[in-house]
PDB file of N, CA and C in Angstrom:
ATOM      1  N   UNK A   1      95.907 101.215  98.094  1.00  0.00           N
ATOM      2  CA  UNK A   1      97.080 102.001  98.442  1.00  0.00           C
ATOM      3  C   UNK A   1      98.260 101.650  97.525  1.00  0.00           C
ATOM      4  N   UNK A   2      98.363 100.359  97.226  1.00  0.00           N
ATOM      5  CA  UNK A   2      99.490  99.959  96.381  1.00  0.00           C
ATOM      6  C   UNK A   2      99.289 100.447  94.946  1.00  0.00           C
ATOM      7  N   UNK A   3      98.047 100.511  94.495  1.00  0.00           N
ATOM      8  CA  UNK A   3      97.767 101.049  93.166  1.00  0.00           C
ATOM      9  C   UNK A   3      98.158 102.516  93.079  1.00  0.00           C
ATOM     10  N   UNK A   4      97.879 103.267  94.139  1.00  0.00           N
ATOM     11  CA  UNK A   4      98.272 104.682  94.177  1.00  0.00           C
ATOM     12  C   UNK A   4      99.787 104.808  94.159  1.00  0.00           C
ATOM     13  N   UNK A   5     100.458 103.906  94.849  1.00  0.00           N
ATOM     14  CA  UNK A   5     101.923 103.909  94.873  1.00  0.00           C
ATOM     15  C   UNK A   5     102.484 103.710  93.463  1.00  0.00           C
ATOM     16  N   UNK A   6     101.973 102.713  92.775  1.00  0.00           N
ATOM     17  CA  UNK A   6     102.433 102.446  91.409  1.00  0.00           C
ATOM     18  C   UNK A   6     102.096 103.596  90.468  1.00  0.00           C
ATOM     19  N   UNK A   7     100.900 104.140  90.610  1.00  0.00           N
ATOM     20  CA  UNK A   7     100.496 105.264  89.772  1.00  0.00           C
ATOM     21  C   UNK A   7     101.417 106.470  89.982  1.00  0.00           C
ATOM     22  N   UNK A   8     101.752 106.766  91.224  1.00  0.00           N
ATOM     23  CA  UNK A   8     102.661 107.874  91.508  1.00  0.00           C
ATOM     24  C   UNK A   8     104.050 107.637  90.910  1.00  0.00           C
ATOM     25  N   UNK A   9     104.563 106.446  91.106  1.00  0.00           N
ATOM     26  CA  UNK A   9     105.923 106.148  90.625  1.00  0.00           C
ATOM     27  C   UNK A   9     106.002 106.181  89.100  1.00  0.00           C
ATOM     28  N   UNK A  10     105.086 105.490  88.446  1.00  0.00           N
ATOM     29  CA  UNK A  10     105.105 105.451  86.981  1.00  0.00           C
ATOM     30  C   UNK A  10     104.790 106.825  86.406  1.00  0.00           C
ATOM     31  N   UNK A  11     103.816 107.507  86.994  1.00  0.00           N
ATOM     32  CA  UNK A  11     103.473 108.852  86.514  1.00  0.00           C
ATOM     33  C   UNK A  11     104.613 109.839  86.683  1.00  0.00           C
ATOM     34  N   UNK A  12     105.355 109.696  87.775  1.00  0.00           N
ATOM     35  CA  UNK A  12     106.465 110.614  88.029  1.00  0.00           C
ATOM     36  C   UNK A  12     107.542 110.495  86.957  1.00  0.00           C
ATOM     37  N   UNK A  13     107.892 109.284  86.572  1.00  0.00           N
ATOM     38  CA  UNK A  13     109.002 109.111  85.638  1.00  0.00           C
ATOM     39  C   UNK A  13     108.556 109.035  84.178  1.00  0.00           C
ATOM     40  N   UNK A  14     107.272 108.791  83.923  1.00  0.00           N
ATOM     41  CA  UNK A  14     106.806 108.740  82.540  1.00  0.00           C
ATOM     42  C   UNK A  14     106.366 110.113  82.038  1.00  0.00           C
ATOM     43  N   UNK A  15     105.769 110.922  82.925  1.00  0.00           N
ATOM     44  CA  UNK A  15     105.183 112.181  82.472  1.00  0.00           C
ATOM     45  C   UNK A  15     105.751 113.387  83.215  1.00  0.00           C
ATOM     46  N   UNK A  16     105.677 113.356  84.526  1.00  0.00           N
ATOM     47  CA  UNK A  16     105.969 114.550  85.323  1.00  0.00           C
ATOM     48  C   UNK A  16     107.429 114.982  85.205  1.00  0.00           C
ATOM     49  N   UNK A  17     108.359 114.053  85.051  1.00  0.00           N
ATOM     50  CA  UNK A  17     109.783 114.418  84.962  1.00  0.00           C
ATOM     51  C   UNK A  17     110.076 115.294  83.750  1.00  0.00           C
ATOM     52  N   UNK A  18     109.237 115.223  82.747  1.00  0.00           N
ATOM     53  CA  UNK A  18     109.429 116.053  81.558  1.00  0.00           C
ATOM     54  C   UNK A  18     109.156 117.524  81.851  1.00  0.00           C
ATOM     55  N   UNK A  19     108.333 117.790  82.861  1.00  0.00           N
ATOM     56  CA  UNK A  19     107.962 119.153  83.197  1.00  0.00           C
ATOM     57  C   UNK A  19     108.675 119.671  84.447  1.00  0.00           C
ATOM     58  N   UNK A  20     108.849 118.828  85.453  1.00  0.00           N
ATOM     59  CA  UNK A  20     109.466 119.274  86.706  1.00  0.00           C
ATOM     60  C   UNK A  20     110.125 118.101  87.416  1.00  0.00           C
ATOM     61  N   UNK A  21     111.438 118.135  87.440  1.00  0.00           N
ATOM     62  CA  UNK A  21     112.174 117.061  88.098  1.00  0.00           C
ATOM     63  C   UNK A  21     111.955 117.047  89.617  1.00  0.00           C
ATOM     64  N   UNK A  22     111.946 118.197  90.304  1.00  0.00           N
ATOM     65  CA  UNK A  22     111.698 118.165  91.755  1.00  0.00           C
ATOM     66  C   UNK A  22     110.322 117.583  92.119  1.00  0.00           C
ATOM     67  N   UNK A  23     109.306 117.864  91.319  1.00  0.00           N
ATOM     68  CA  UNK A  23     107.980 117.314  91.589  1.00  0.00           C
ATOM     69  C   UNK A  23     107.998 115.804  91.382  1.00  0.00           C
ATOM     70  N   UNK A  24     108.702 115.341  90.350  1.00  0.00           N
ATOM     71  CA  UNK A  24     108.809 113.905  90.095  1.00  0.00           C
ATOM     72  C   UNK A  24     109.502 113.200  91.258  1.00  0.00           C
ATOM     73  N   UNK A  25     110.547 113.803  91.778  1.00  0.00           N
ATOM     74  CA  UNK A  25     111.259 113.228  92.926  1.00  0.00           C
ATOM     75  C   UNK A  25     110.358 113.228  94.156  1.00  0.00           C
ATOM     76  N   UNK A  26     109.601 114.294  94.356  1.00  0.00           N
ATOM     77  CA  UNK A  26     108.650 114.350  95.476  1.00  0.00           C
ATOM     78  C   UNK A  26     107.582 113.281  95.370  1.00  0.00           C
ATOM     79  N   UNK A  27     107.099 113.041  94.155  1.00  0.00           N
ATOM     80  CA  UNK A  27     106.108 111.982  93.953  1.00  0.00           C
ATOM     81  C   UNK A  27     106.698 110.618  94.291  1.00  0.00           C
ATOM     82  N   UNK A  28     107.957 110.400  93.943  1.00  0.00           N
ATOM     83  CA  UNK A  28     108.607 109.127  94.263  1.00  0.00           C
ATOM     84  C   UNK A  28     108.814 108.962  95.766  1.00  0.00           C
ATOM     85  N   UNK A  29     109.106 110.048  96.458  1.00  0.00           N
ATOM     86  CA  UNK A  29     109.258 109.985  97.915  1.00  0.00           C
ATOM     87  C   UNK A  29     107.924 109.613  98.562  1.00  0.00           C
ATOM     88  N   UNK A  30     106.851 110.218  98.071  1.00  0.00           N
ATOM     89  CA  UNK A  30     105.519 109.865  98.585  1.00  0.00           C
ATOM     90  C   UNK A  30     105.213 108.403  98.289  1.00  0.00           C
ATOM     91  N   UNK A  31     105.548 107.954  97.067  1.00  0.00           N
ATOM     92  CA  UNK A  31     105.318 106.556  96.696  1.00  0.00           C
ATOM     93  C   UNK A  31     106.150 105.613  97.549  1.00  0.00           C
ATOM     94  N   UNK A  32     107.316 106.068  97.988  1.00  0.00           N
ATOM     95  CA  UNK A  32     108.190 105.247  98.821  1.00  0.00           C
ATOM     96  C   UNK A  32     107.608 105.075 100.230  1.00  0.00           C
ATOM     97  N   UNK A  33     106.866 106.047 100.710  1.00  0.00           N
ATOM     98  CA  UNK A  33     106.315 106.011 102.066  1.00  0.00           C
ATOM     99  C   UNK A  33     105.041 105.163 102.128  1.00  0.00           C
ATOM    100  N   UNK A  34     104.337 105.026 101.034  1.00  0.00           N
ATOM    101  CA  UNK A  34     103.041 104.336 101.039  1.00  0.00           C
ATOM    102  C   UNK A  34     103.134 102.863 101.458  1.00  0.00           C
ATOM    103  N   UNK A  35     104.068 102.032 100.937  1.00  0.00           N
ATOM    104  CA  UNK A  35     104.072 100.610 101.337  1.00  0.00           C
ATOM    105  C   UNK A  35     104.242 100.350 102.835  1.00  0.00           C
ATOM    106  N   UNK A  36     105.167 101.029 103.538  1.00  0.00           N
ATOM    107  CA  UNK A  36     105.224 100.789 104.985  1.00  0.00           C
ATOM    108  C   UNK A  36     103.951 101.220 105.717  1.00  0.00           C
ATOM    109  N   UNK A  37     103.357 102.325 105.279  1.00  0.00           N
ATOM    110  CA  UNK A  37     102.110 102.774 105.900  1.00  0.00           C
ATOM    111  C   UNK A  37     101.012 101.754 105.642  1.00  0.00           C
ATOM    112  N   UNK A  38     100.952 101.209 104.430  1.00  0.00           N
ATOM    113  CA  UNK A  38      99.952 100.196 104.105  1.00  0.00           C
ATOM    114  C   UNK A  38     100.131  98.955 104.975  1.00  0.00           C
ATOM    115  N   UNK A  39     101.375  98.547 105.212  1.00  0.00           N
ATOM    116  CA  UNK A  39     101.632  97.380 106.058  1.00  0.00           C
ATOM    117  C   UNK A  39     101.206  97.643 107.497  1.00  0.00           C
ATOM    118  N   UNK A  40     101.468  98.846 108.006  1.00  0.00           N
ATOM    119  CA  UNK A  40     101.065  99.174 109.374  1.00  0.00           C
ATOM    120  C   UNK A  40      99.548  99.203 109.515  1.00  0.00           C
ATOM    121  N   UNK A  41      98.863  99.759 108.522  1.00  0.00           N
ATOM    122  CA  UNK A  41      97.401  99.824 108.571  1.00  0.00           C
ATOM    123  C   UNK A  41      96.813  98.420 108.491  1.00  0.00           C
ATOM    124  N   UNK A  42      97.360  97.578 107.632  1.00  0.00           N
ATOM    125  CA  UNK A  42      96.829  96.227 107.453  1.00  0.00           C
ATOM    126  C   UNK A  42      97.049  95.352 108.683  1.00  0.00           C
ATOM    127  N   UNK A  43      98.123  95.575 109.428  1.00  0.00           N
ATOM    128  CA  UNK A  43      98.449  94.731 110.580  1.00  0.00           C
ATOM    129  C   UNK A  43      98.015  95.333 111.910  1.00  0.00           C
ATOM    130  N   UNK A  44      97.280  96.429 111.859  1.00  0.00           N
ATOM    131  CA  UNK A  44      96.838  97.100 113.084  1.00  0.00           C
ATOM    132  C   UNK A  44      95.803  96.256 113.804  1.00  0.00           C
ATOM    133  N   UNK A  45      95.867  96.246 115.114  1.00  0.00           N
ATOM    134  CA  UNK A  45      94.874  95.535 115.923  1.00  0.00           C
ATOM    135  C   UNK A  45      94.004  96.573 116.621  1.00  0.00           C
ATOM    136  N   UNK A  46      92.762  96.203 116.842  1.00  0.00           N
ATOM    137  CA  UNK A  46      91.831  97.106 117.498  1.00  0.00           C
ATOM    138  C   UNK A  46      92.078  97.167 119.000  1.00  0.00           C
ATOM    139  N   UNK A  47      91.574  98.208 119.656  1.00  0.00           N
ATOM    140  CA  UNK A  47      91.774  98.334 121.105  1.00  0.00           C
ATOM    141  C   UNK A  47      91.096  97.222 121.893  1.00  0.00           C
ATOM    142  N   UNK A  48      90.034  96.625 121.350  1.00  0.00           N
ATOM    143  CA  UNK A  48      89.344  95.545 122.059  1.00  0.00           C
ATOM    144  C   UNK A  48      89.938  94.184 121.756  1.00  0.00           C
ATOM    145  N   UNK A  49      90.893  94.110 120.853  1.00  0.00           N
ATOM    146  CA  UNK A  49      91.510  92.841 120.475  1.00  0.00           C
ATOM    147  C   UNK A  49      92.594  92.491 121.492  1.00  0.00           C
ATOM    148  N   UNK A  50      92.299  91.533 122.349  1.00  0.00           N
ATOM    149  CA  UNK A  50      93.244  91.146 123.401  1.00  0.00           C
ATOM    150  C   UNK A  50      93.865  89.800 123.052  1.00  0.00           C
ATOM    151  N   UNK A  51      94.598  89.766 121.936  1.00  0.00           N
ATOM    152  CA  UNK A  51      95.189  88.532 121.441  1.00  0.00           C
ATOM    153  C   UNK A  51      96.219  87.956 122.397  1.00  0.00           C
ATOM    154  N   UNK A  52      96.817  88.784 123.228  1.00  0.00           N
ATOM    155  CA  UNK A  52      97.856  88.286 124.133  1.00  0.00           C
ATOM    156  C   UNK A  52      97.260  87.486 125.294  1.00  0.00           C
ATOM    157  N   UNK A  53      95.940  87.557 125.492  1.00  0.00           N
ATOM    158  CA  UNK A  53      95.298  86.802 126.562  1.00  0.00           C
ATOM    159  C   UNK A  53      94.881  85.400 126.126  1.00  0.00           C
ATOM    160  N   UNK A  54      94.967  85.110 124.843  1.00  0.00           N
ATOM    161  CA  UNK A  54      94.575  83.781 124.358  1.00  0.00           C
ATOM    162  C   UNK A  54      95.531  82.726 124.899  1.00  0.00           C
ATOM    163  N   UNK A  55      94.982  81.576 125.310  1.00  0.00           N
ATOM    164  CA  UNK A  55      95.865  80.496 125.785  1.00  0.00           C
ATOM    165  C   UNK A  55      96.708  79.950 124.633  1.00  0.00           C
ATOM    166  N   UNK A  56      97.918  79.527 124.956  1.00  0.00           N
ATOM    167  CA  UNK A  56      98.841  79.040 123.931  1.00  0.00           C
ATOM    168  C   UNK A  56      98.599  77.580 123.581  1.00  0.00           C
ATOM    169  N   UNK A  57      97.944  76.855 124.463  1.00  0.00           N
ATOM    170  CA  UNK A  57      97.713  75.432 124.242  1.00  0.00           C
ATOM    171  C   UNK A  57      98.608  74.569 125.113  1.00  0.00           C
ATOM    172  N   UNK A  58      99.651  75.154 125.671  1.00  0.00           N
ATOM    173  CA  UNK A  58     100.543  74.435 126.577  1.00  0.00           C
ATOM    174  C   UNK A  58     100.105  74.758 128.006  1.00  0.00           C
ATOM    175  N   UNK A  59      99.507  73.799 128.731  1.00  0.00           N
ATOM    176  CA  UNK A  59      98.972  74.095 130.063  1.00  0.00           C
ATOM    177  C   UNK A  59     100.018  74.626 131.036  1.00  0.00           C
ATOM    178  N   UNK A  60     101.211  74.078 130.985  1.00  0.00           N
ATOM    179  CA  UNK A  60     102.251  74.522 131.920  1.00  0.00           C
ATOM    180  C   UNK A  60     102.654  75.970 131.621  1.00  0.00           C
ATOM    181  N   UNK A  61     102.797  76.290 130.344  1.00  0.00           N
ATOM    182  CA  UNK A  61     103.146  77.656 129.953  1.00  0.00           C
ATOM    183  C   UNK A  61     102.026  78.629 130.302  1.00  0.00           C
ATOM    184  N   UNK A  62     100.776  78.231 130.021  1.00  0.00           N
ATOM    185  CA  UNK A  62      99.640  79.098 130.348  1.00  0.00           C
ATOM    186  C   UNK A  62      99.550  79.344 131.848  1.00  0.00           C
ATOM    187  N   UNK A  63      99.795  78.311 132.655  1.00  0.00           N
ATOM    188  CA  UNK A  63      99.771  78.461 134.109  1.00  0.00           C
ATOM    189  C   UNK A  63     100.868  79.423 134.566  1.00  0.00           C
ATOM    190  N   UNK A  64     102.036  79.294 133.953  1.00  0.00           N
ATOM    191  CA  UNK A  64     103.168  80.159 134.317  1.00  0.00           C
ATOM    192  C   UNK A  64     102.865  81.618 133.978  1.00  0.00           C
ATOM    193  N   UNK A  65     102.289  81.863 132.771  1.00  0.00           N
ATOM    194  CA  UNK A  65     101.954  83.234 132.376  1.00  0.00           C
ATOM    195  C   UNK A  65     100.836  83.801 133.242  1.00  0.00           C
ATOM    196  N   UNK A  66      99.839  82.964 133.584  1.00  0.00           N
ATOM    197  CA  UNK A  66      98.767  83.434 134.456  1.00  0.00           C
ATOM    198  C   UNK A  66      99.317  83.837 135.818  1.00  0.00           C
ATOM    199  N   UNK A  67     100.291  83.076 136.313  1.00  0.00           N
ATOM    200  CA  UNK A  67     100.905  83.414 137.597  1.00  0.00           C
ATOM    201  C   UNK A  67     101.659  84.736 137.498  1.00  0.00           C
ATOM    202  N   UNK A  68     102.388  84.939 136.409  1.00  0.00           N
ATOM    203  CA  UNK A  68     103.121  86.193 136.230  1.00  0.00           C
ATOM    204  C   UNK A  68     102.179  87.388 136.098  1.00  0.00           C
ATOM    205  N   UNK A  69     101.041  87.184 135.418  1.00  0.00           N
ATOM    206  CA  UNK A  69     100.080  88.269 135.231  1.00  0.00           C
ATOM    207  C   UNK A  69      99.223  88.516 136.462  1.00  0.00           C
ATOM    208  N   UNK A  70      99.332  87.655 137.468  1.00  0.00           N
ATOM    209  CA  UNK A  70      98.549  87.828 138.683  1.00  0.00           C
ATOM    210  C   UNK A  70      97.125  87.332 138.559  1.00  0.00           C
ATOM    211  N   UNK A  71      96.842  86.524 137.542  1.00  0.00           N
ATOM    212  CA  UNK A  71      95.487  86.016 137.363  1.00  0.00           C
ATOM    213  C   UNK A  71      95.182  84.895 138.346  1.00  0.00           C
ATOM    214  N   UNK A  72      96.189  84.130 138.661  1.00  0.00           N
ATOM    215  CA  UNK A  72      95.993  83.048 139.629  1.00  0.00           C
ATOM    216  C   UNK A  72      97.041  83.190 140.721  1.00  0.00           C
ATOM    217  N   UNK A  73      96.569  82.973 141.943  1.00  0.00           N
ATOM    218  CA  UNK A  73      97.529  83.045 143.052  1.00  0.00           C
ATOM    219  C   UNK A  73      98.259  81.728 143.176  1.00  0.00           C
ATOM    220  N   UNK A  74      99.515  81.823 143.464  1.00  0.00           N
ATOM    221  CA  UNK A  74     100.324  80.617 143.647  1.00  0.00           C
ATOM    222  C   UNK A  74      99.996  80.004 144.994  1.00  0.00           C
ATOM    223  N   UNK A  75      99.696  78.726 144.977  1.00  0.00           N
ATOM    224  CA  UNK A  75      99.360  78.050 146.225  1.00  0.00           C
ATOM    225  C   UNK A  75     100.634  77.586 146.904  1.00  0.00           C
ATOM    226  N   UNK A  76     100.751  77.823 148.227  1.00  0.00           N
ATOM    227  CA  UNK A  76     101.993  77.445 148.940  1.00  0.00           C
ATOM    228  C   UNK A  76     102.110  75.956 149.177  1.00  0.00           C
TER     229      UNK A  76
END
């Protein structure tokens, strides 16, 4: 994706601007949108990935979160 971004940007100002300035600007706008989209795709988690359920390693904190989530009943 990043290679396409660079190709669009360099191609827009090295070649395309000589023939059509609006097309060159449009290519740069597309190139500008690619990096954030690439970051979102790379950091996406799957629907089965339940990373928030992993224990933190702190027993007191894990017990507190389990109580808030209703996983364990608080004993009176």
